[in-house]
């Protein structure tokens, strides 16, 4: 439905979730958060989907929580769990925080930052595995300007992306970061022309789908996120354990045979059930 606040489509092997409140710079409501959570879960289970991507309609990516929702939340002095509408899967309850579940989704999550990403929009981009931005992309944490702190895991993830001092600068000042600076400090992974942003992401994901084992991607994503907070020796032991397990996966044999037979691999689809 064109007037829905969240739009969903597939482009190549990408499940594309569009934030569709362009007049409000795609500010988030609790209903939108619930719809996003549901769609991410469905895309993770779809064997035809290799990666999930977010983009904003109009000139903004996402300006964060809707101003009226923010007013109600601050007036109440808390965000009530029922309002947050966080949909937890019974086998894997979501951790606290907006978009905190994205690192635990077993498929790549990419933010296509086509304009300003502020507040909750900044968190959505930060919690994604990759951030591709157009030349119009910009970022601001904005929390300090609202009398708020480093919310939703920003104090843990952001220093690991850009370093501790840059993270504190961005959090304290809430200043606007352009696409060029974001690329330089590691907040963006690619910068493209505005009209090439989605095309670039689809080409990237379709290339993964054609050549890369989905099960290997899922395991490596889990490794990278988990090992960020582990010492080297436990991470090495975990990697060895996972390597032995992956050698028993059909994709490992298929990858070897594709090399020997000089052909494209035919890896098994991934639906997240083994995540």
Protein backbone atom coordinates (compact mmCIF):
# COMPACT_ATOMS: atom_id res chain seq x y z
CA UNK A 1 0.00 0.00 0.00
CA UNK A 2 1.46 3.32 -1.11
CA UNK A 3 0.23 5.13 2.01
CA UNK A 4 1.68 2.57 4.46
CA UNK A 5 4.39 3.84 6.79
CA UNK A 6 6.58 0.84 5.95
CA UNK A 7 6.92 -0.48 2.40
CA UNK A 8 8.48 -3.82 1.50
CA UNK A 9 9.80 -5.15 -1.78
CA UNK A 10 12.50 -7.43 -3.13
CA UNK A 11 15.19 -6.16 -5.49
CA UNK A 12 17.35 -8.99 -6.77
CA UNK A 13 18.30 -10.92 -3.62
CA UNK A 14 17.69 -7.94 -1.36
CA UNK A 15 14.67 -7.63 0.95
CA UNK A 16 14.22 -3.86 0.89
CA UNK A 17 12.40 -2.20 3.80
CA UNK A 18 11.40 1.38 2.98
CA UNK A 19 10.59 3.89 5.69
CA UNK A 20 7.67 5.80 4.20
CA UNK A 21 6.97 9.02 6.09
CA UNK A 22 8.87 11.40 3.80
CA UNK A 23 7.18 14.58 5.09
CA UNK A 24 8.44 13.72 8.59
CA UNK A 25 11.87 12.63 7.32
CA UNK A 26 10.72 9.07 8.06
CA UNK A 27 10.42 9.63 11.80
CA UNK A 28 9.63 6.39 13.60
CA UNK A 29 6.44 5.41 15.39
CA UNK A 30 6.07 2.36 17.61
CA UNK A 31 3.90 0.72 14.98
CA UNK A 32 6.69 1.19 12.44
CA UNK A 33 9.19 -0.38 14.83
CA UNK A 34 6.93 -3.40 15.23
CA UNK A 35 6.42 -3.71 11.46
CA UNK A 36 10.15 -3.48 10.85
CA UNK A 37 10.82 -6.22 13.41
CA UNK A 38 8.23 -8.47 11.80
CA UNK A 39 9.52 -7.90 8.26
CA UNK A 40 13.12 -8.52 9.28
CA UNK A 41 12.09 -11.84 10.83
CA UNK A 42 10.21 -12.86 7.70
CA UNK A 43 13.09 -11.90 5.42
CA UNK A 44 15.56 -13.86 7.54
CA UNK A 45 13.50 -17.01 6.97
CA UNK A 46 13.06 -16.45 3.21
CA UNK A 47 15.49 -18.68 1.27
CA UNK A 48 15.34 -16.29 -1.70
CA UNK A 49 16.67 -13.40 0.40
CA UNK A 50 20.43 -13.01 0.82
CA UNK A 51 20.44 -9.66 2.65
CA UNK A 52 18.10 -7.12 4.21
CA UNK A 53 18.39 -3.40 3.45
CA UNK A 54 16.78 -0.23 4.80
CA UNK A 55 16.21 3.01 2.91
CA UNK A 56 14.15 6.14 3.52
CA UNK A 57 11.60 7.59 1.14
CA UNK A 58 12.13 11.18 0.05
CA UNK A 59 15.13 13.26 1.07
CA UNK A 60 15.81 11.70 4.48
CA UNK A 61 16.90 8.29 5.73
CA UNK A 62 15.36 8.50 9.21
CA UNK A 63 15.14 11.42 11.64
CA UNK A 64 14.63 9.18 14.68
CA UNK A 65 11.66 8.78 16.96
CA UNK A 66 8.64 10.86 16.01
CA UNK A 67 8.58 14.15 17.94
CA UNK A 68 5.15 13.53 19.47
CA UNK A 69 6.12 10.01 20.50
CA UNK A 70 9.30 11.42 22.04
CA UNK A 71 7.29 14.06 23.92
CA UNK A 72 4.94 11.44 25.34
CA UNK A 73 7.87 9.22 26.32
CA UNK A 74 9.78 11.98 28.11
CA UNK A 75 6.62 13.25 29.80
CA UNK A 76 5.97 9.76 31.15
CA UNK A 77 9.60 9.47 32.23
CA UNK A 78 10.06 6.09 30.58
CA UNK A 79 9.43 4.15 27.41
CA UNK A 80 6.91 1.49 28.28
CA UNK A 81 7.62 -2.00 26.92
CA UNK A 82 4.16 -2.21 25.38
CA UNK A 83 4.76 1.04 23.52
CA UNK A 84 8.19 -0.03 22.32
CA UNK A 85 6.42 -2.90 20.57
CA UNK A 86 9.58 -4.96 20.43
CA UNK A 87 8.58 -8.34 19.07
CA UNK A 88 10.79 -11.01 20.60
CA UNK A 89 11.12 -14.43 19.08
CA UNK A 90 10.48 -17.02 21.82
CA UNK A 91 13.69 -18.89 21.06
CA UNK A 92 15.79 -15.72 21.08
CA UNK A 93 14.38 -12.80 23.09
CA UNK A 94 15.53 -9.43 21.83
CA UNK A 95 17.95 -7.47 24.02
CA UNK A 96 16.88 -4.01 25.23
CA UNK A 97 17.30 -1.06 22.90
CA UNK A 98 16.04 0.08 19.50
CA UNK A 99 17.25 -2.16 16.64
CA UNK A 100 19.41 -4.10 19.11
CA UNK A 101 18.30 -7.36 17.46
CA UNK A 102 19.92 -6.58 14.09
CA UNK A 103 23.38 -7.94 15.01
CA UNK A 104 21.70 -11.25 15.87
CA UNK A 105 19.90 -11.56 12.53
CA UNK A 106 21.77 -14.25 10.62
CA UNK A 107 21.71 -12.46 7.26
CA UNK A 108 23.57 -9.29 6.29
CA UNK A 109 21.77 -6.06 7.18
CA UNK A 110 22.65 -2.98 5.15
CA UNK A 111 21.49 0.59 5.62
CA UNK A 112 21.16 2.62 2.42
CA UNK A 113 21.62 6.06 3.96
CA UNK A 114 20.09 8.37 1.37
CA UNK A 115 19.80 11.47 3.58
CA UNK A 116 19.93 12.48 7.21
CA UNK A 117 20.22 9.71 9.81
CA UNK A 118 19.50 11.21 13.22
CA UNK A 119 18.74 9.78 16.66
CA UNK A 120 16.96 6.49 16.13
CA UNK A 121 17.88 6.69 12.44
CA UNK A 122 21.52 6.94 13.48
CA UNK A 123 21.00 3.84 15.65
CA UNK A 124 19.41 1.94 12.74
CA UNK A 125 22.41 2.68 10.54
CA UNK A 126 24.90 1.99 13.34
CA UNK A 127 23.35 -1.40 14.19
CA UNK A 128 23.43 -2.49 10.55
CA UNK A 129 26.33 -4.63 9.39
CA UNK A 130 27.17 -2.30 6.51
CA UNK A 131 26.34 1.30 5.70
CA UNK A 132 26.22 2.43 2.07
CA UNK A 133 25.52 6.13 1.69
CA UNK A 134 24.68 8.53 -1.09
CA UNK A 135 26.46 11.84 -1.45
CA UNK A 136 23.48 13.37 0.39
CA UNK A 137 23.94 11.16 3.47
CA UNK A 138 24.57 12.80 6.82
CA UNK A 139 24.57 11.69 10.45
CA UNK A 140 23.88 13.20 13.85
CA UNK A 141 23.53 11.36 17.13
CA UNK A 142 21.27 14.20 18.46
CA UNK A 143 20.74 12.61 21.92
CA UNK A 144 22.71 15.23 23.86
CA UNK A 145 20.60 18.02 22.33
CA UNK A 146 17.50 16.35 23.80
CA UNK A 147 19.00 15.92 27.26
CA UNK A 148 19.48 12.20 26.63
CA UNK A 149 22.48 9.89 26.87
CA UNK A 150 24.15 7.37 24.52
CA UNK A 151 21.08 5.21 24.00
CA UNK A 152 20.42 1.84 22.38
CA UNK A 153 23.97 0.48 22.45
CA UNK A 154 25.64 3.58 20.98
CA UNK A 155 28.27 3.61 23.74
CA UNK A 156 29.29 0.04 22.79
CA UNK A 157 29.01 -0.02 18.99
CA UNK A 158 30.03 3.49 17.96
CA UNK A 159 33.54 3.42 19.54
CA UNK A 160 34.16 0.14 17.75
CA UNK A 161 33.26 1.76 14.42
CA UNK A 162 35.07 5.08 14.70
CA UNK A 163 37.26 4.88 17.84
CA UNK A 164 36.60 6.15 21.39
CA UNK A 165 37.52 9.83 20.94
CA UNK A 166 35.56 10.24 17.72
CA UNK A 167 32.61 8.47 19.31
CA UNK A 168 32.65 10.87 22.27
CA UNK A 169 32.88 13.84 19.91
CA UNK A 170 29.85 12.65 17.93
CA UNK A 171 27.88 11.82 21.09
CA UNK A 172 28.75 14.99 23.01
CA UNK A 173 28.42 17.53 20.21
CA UNK A 174 25.57 15.96 18.21
CA UNK A 175 27.17 17.71 15.25
CA UNK A 176 26.28 16.86 11.68
CA UNK A 177 28.66 14.53 9.86
CA UNK A 178 28.67 14.66 6.06
CA UNK A 179 29.02 11.63 3.78
CA UNK A 180 32.67 12.43 3.04
CA UNK A 181 33.60 12.61 6.73
CA UNK A 182 31.53 9.53 7.54
CA UNK A 183 33.45 7.56 4.92
CA UNK A 184 36.78 8.85 6.21
CA UNK A 185 36.15 7.92 9.86
CA UNK A 186 34.56 4.53 9.13
CA UNK A 187 30.90 5.36 9.70
CA UNK A 188 30.14 4.68 6.02
CA UNK A 189 31.53 1.79 3.98
CA UNK A 190 30.65 3.11 0.50
CA UNK A 191 29.54 6.45 -0.94
CA UNK A 192 27.71 6.58 -4.27
CA UNK A 193 25.69 8.98 -6.32
CA UNK A 194 22.13 9.32 -5.01
CA UNK A 195 20.56 7.57 -7.99
CA UNK A 196 23.06 4.68 -7.80
CA UNK A 197 22.67 3.85 -4.10
CA UNK A 198 20.18 0.99 -4.29
CA UNK A 199 21.68 -0.30 -7.52
CA UNK A 200 25.06 -0.55 -5.78
CA UNK A 201 23.60 -2.47 -2.84
CA UNK A 202 21.67 -4.87 -5.08
CA UNK A 203 24.79 -5.56 -7.16
CA UNK A 204 26.82 -6.18 -4.00
CA UNK A 205 24.24 -8.59 -2.57
CA UNK A 206 23.62 -10.38 -5.87
CA UNK A 207 27.37 -10.97 -6.10
CA UNK A 208 27.32 -12.49 -2.60
CA UNK A 209 24.39 -14.70 -3.60
CA UNK A 210 26.22 -15.95 -6.69
CA UNK A 211 29.57 -16.76 -5.09
CA UNK A 212 29.41 -16.91 -1.28
CA UNK A 213 28.08 -19.58 1.07
CA UNK A 214 25.06 -18.24 3.02
CA UNK A 215 25.89 -20.46 5.97
CA UNK A 216 29.45 -19.08 6.03
CA UNK A 217 28.09 -15.53 5.99
CA UNK A 218 25.79 -16.30 8.92
CA UNK A 219 28.56 -17.85 11.00
CA UNK A 220 31.03 -15.07 10.20
CA UNK A 221 28.53 -12.37 11.12
CA UNK A 222 27.97 -14.04 14.48
CA UNK A 223 31.71 -14.38 15.01
CA UNK A 224 32.50 -10.74 14.29
CA UNK A 225 29.76 -9.32 16.52
CA UNK A 226 30.44 -11.73 19.41
CA UNK A 227 34.22 -11.56 19.26
CA UNK A 228 34.19 -7.77 19.57
CA UNK A 229 33.81 -8.26 23.32
CA UNK A 230 35.95 -11.38 23.75
CA UNK A 231 39.71 -11.72 24.41
CA UNK A 232 41.84 -13.24 21.66
CA UNK A 233 42.26 -16.75 23.09
CA UNK A 234 38.52 -17.46 23.58
CA UNK A 235 37.88 -16.04 20.11
CA UNK A 236 40.50 -18.36 18.63
CA UNK A 237 39.00 -21.34 20.43
CA UNK A 238 35.51 -20.41 19.22
CA UNK A 239 36.76 -19.99 15.65
CA UNK A 240 38.38 -23.44 15.77
CA UNK A 241 35.16 -25.01 17.08
CA UNK A 242 33.09 -23.32 14.40
CA UNK A 243 35.56 -24.29 11.69
CA UNK A 244 35.23 -27.96 12.62
CA UNK A 245 31.44 -27.64 12.53
CA UNK A 246 31.45 -25.84 9.17
CA UNK A 247 33.60 -28.56 7.61
CA UNK A 248 30.65 -30.89 8.16
CA UNK A 249 28.25 -28.51 6.41
CA UNK A 250 27.41 -29.41 2.77
CA UNK A 251 28.55 -25.95 1.66
CA UNK A 252 32.16 -26.77 2.56
CA UNK A 253 32.21 -29.79 0.23
CA UNK A 254 30.35 -27.86 -2.46
CA UNK A 255 32.87 -25.04 -2.27
CA UNK A 256 35.77 -27.45 -2.72
CA UNK A 257 34.09 -29.22 -5.68
CA UNK A 258 33.25 -25.92 -7.36
CA UNK A 259 36.94 -25.02 -7.20
CA UNK A 260 38.09 -28.40 -8.53
CA UNK A 261 35.48 -28.46 -11.30
CA UNK A 262 35.99 -24.77 -12.12
CA UNK A 263 32.31 -23.88 -11.92
CA UNK A 264 30.05 -21.61 -9.92
CA UNK A 265 29.10 -23.05 -6.53
CA UNK A 266 25.58 -24.17 -5.73
CA UNK A 267 25.34 -23.45 -2.03
CA UNK A 268 22.36 -24.32 0.15
CA UNK A 269 19.85 -21.55 0.88
CA UNK A 270 19.78 -20.07 4.35
CA UNK A 271 16.64 -19.55 6.40
CA UNK A 272 18.09 -18.70 9.79
CA UNK A 273 16.92 -21.92 11.42
CA UNK A 274 20.45 -22.90 12.43
CA UNK A 275 21.39 -19.42 13.68
